[in-house]
Protein backbone atom coordinates (compact mmCIF):
# COMPACT_ATOMS: atom_id res chain seq x y z
CA MET A 1 -30.42 -29.51 -15.64
CA GLY A 2 -30.34 -26.77 -12.98
CA GLN A 3 -30.95 -23.10 -13.71
CA ALA A 4 -27.24 -22.27 -13.56
CA MET A 5 -26.43 -25.04 -16.03
CA GLU A 6 -29.20 -23.91 -18.38
CA ALA A 7 -27.97 -20.30 -18.23
CA ALA A 8 -24.37 -21.37 -18.86
CA ALA A 9 -25.39 -23.59 -21.77
CA GLY A 10 -26.36 -20.53 -23.83
CA GLN A 11 -23.12 -18.66 -23.20
CA SER A 12 -19.89 -18.88 -25.13
CA PRO A 13 -16.92 -20.46 -23.35
CA VAL A 14 -14.43 -18.28 -21.54
CA THR A 15 -11.08 -18.00 -23.26
CA ALA A 16 -7.85 -16.84 -21.67
CA VAL A 17 -4.13 -16.71 -22.26
CA LEU A 18 -1.97 -18.61 -19.82
CA ILE A 19 0.25 -16.14 -18.01
CA ASP A 20 3.37 -18.16 -18.87
CA GLU A 21 2.58 -17.76 -22.56
CA ALA A 22 2.09 -14.00 -22.29
CA ALA A 23 5.10 -11.75 -22.71
CA LEU A 24 5.33 -8.22 -21.38
CA THR A 25 7.25 -5.44 -23.05
CA LEU A 26 9.64 -3.22 -21.12
CA GLU A 27 6.99 -0.50 -20.78
CA GLU A 28 4.29 -2.97 -19.69
CA LEU A 29 6.54 -4.48 -17.01
CA ALA A 30 7.52 -1.03 -15.74
CA ARG A 31 3.85 0.02 -15.58
CA ALA A 32 2.86 -3.21 -13.81
CA CYS A 33 5.55 -2.59 -11.17
CA ALA A 34 4.92 1.17 -10.92
CA VAL A 35 8.53 2.00 -11.79
CA ASP A 36 10.34 3.90 -14.50
CA HIS A 37 11.58 1.89 -17.48
CA ASP A 38 15.17 2.82 -16.52
CA TRP A 39 14.69 0.84 -13.30
CA VAL A 40 13.81 -2.25 -15.35
CA VAL A 41 16.74 -1.70 -17.73
CA GLN A 42 19.10 -1.48 -14.76
CA ARG A 43 17.79 -4.81 -13.36
CA VAL A 44 18.18 -6.51 -16.73
CA ARG A 45 21.74 -5.24 -17.17
CA THR A 46 22.69 -6.56 -13.71
CA GLY A 47 21.06 -9.94 -14.37
CA ILE A 48 18.25 -9.67 -11.83
CA LEU A 49 15.63 -9.85 -14.59
CA MET A 50 15.90 -12.00 -17.73
CA GLU A 51 18.57 -14.65 -18.04
CA SER A 52 19.94 -13.41 -21.33
CA ALA A 53 19.07 -10.14 -23.01
CA SER A 54 20.11 -8.54 -26.26
CA ASP A 55 21.38 -4.98 -26.34
CA ASP A 56 18.13 -3.89 -28.02
CA CYS A 57 15.68 -3.29 -25.16
CA VAL A 58 12.82 -2.85 -27.64
CA SER A 59 12.94 -6.59 -28.35
CA TRP A 60 12.92 -7.61 -24.68
CA ARG A 61 9.97 -9.69 -23.51
CA PHE A 62 9.39 -10.50 -19.87
CA THR A 63 7.79 -13.61 -18.43
CA SER A 64 5.49 -13.96 -15.45
CA ALA A 65 8.56 -15.05 -13.43
CA ASP A 66 10.24 -11.72 -14.29
CA LEU A 67 7.12 -9.86 -13.18
CA VAL A 68 7.05 -11.70 -9.84
CA ARG A 69 10.78 -11.14 -9.34
CA ALA A 70 10.46 -7.42 -10.09
CA ARG A 71 7.50 -7.03 -7.75
CA ARG A 72 9.36 -8.80 -4.94
CA THR A 73 12.05 -6.16 -4.98
CA PRO A 74 11.71 -4.14 -1.75
CA SER A 75 9.26 -1.30 -2.23
CA ASN A 76 11.78 1.30 -1.05
CA ALA A 77 14.12 0.26 -3.90
CA ARG A 78 11.27 0.59 -6.40
CA ALA A 79 10.16 3.96 -5.02
CA ALA A 80 13.71 5.34 -5.09
CA ALA A 81 13.97 4.45 -8.77
CA SER A 82 10.80 6.31 -9.75
């Protein structure tokens, strides 16, 4: 066994959550996109984010696809919303 293998043998395995299994709250998504939460609410209400959303934004959970979609919005549209 090489030195790297010997060193790794004594360490615990790395654990992670798959991004598709993680869900972001409204505030977390807004923070990740550097926008105000009202900007996110507006995109949900118009159908840009989330396919179906309840009226209670506290229960909203966003997927990695929502995060990518929100970040792909032109930066000038995000900056204007802040």
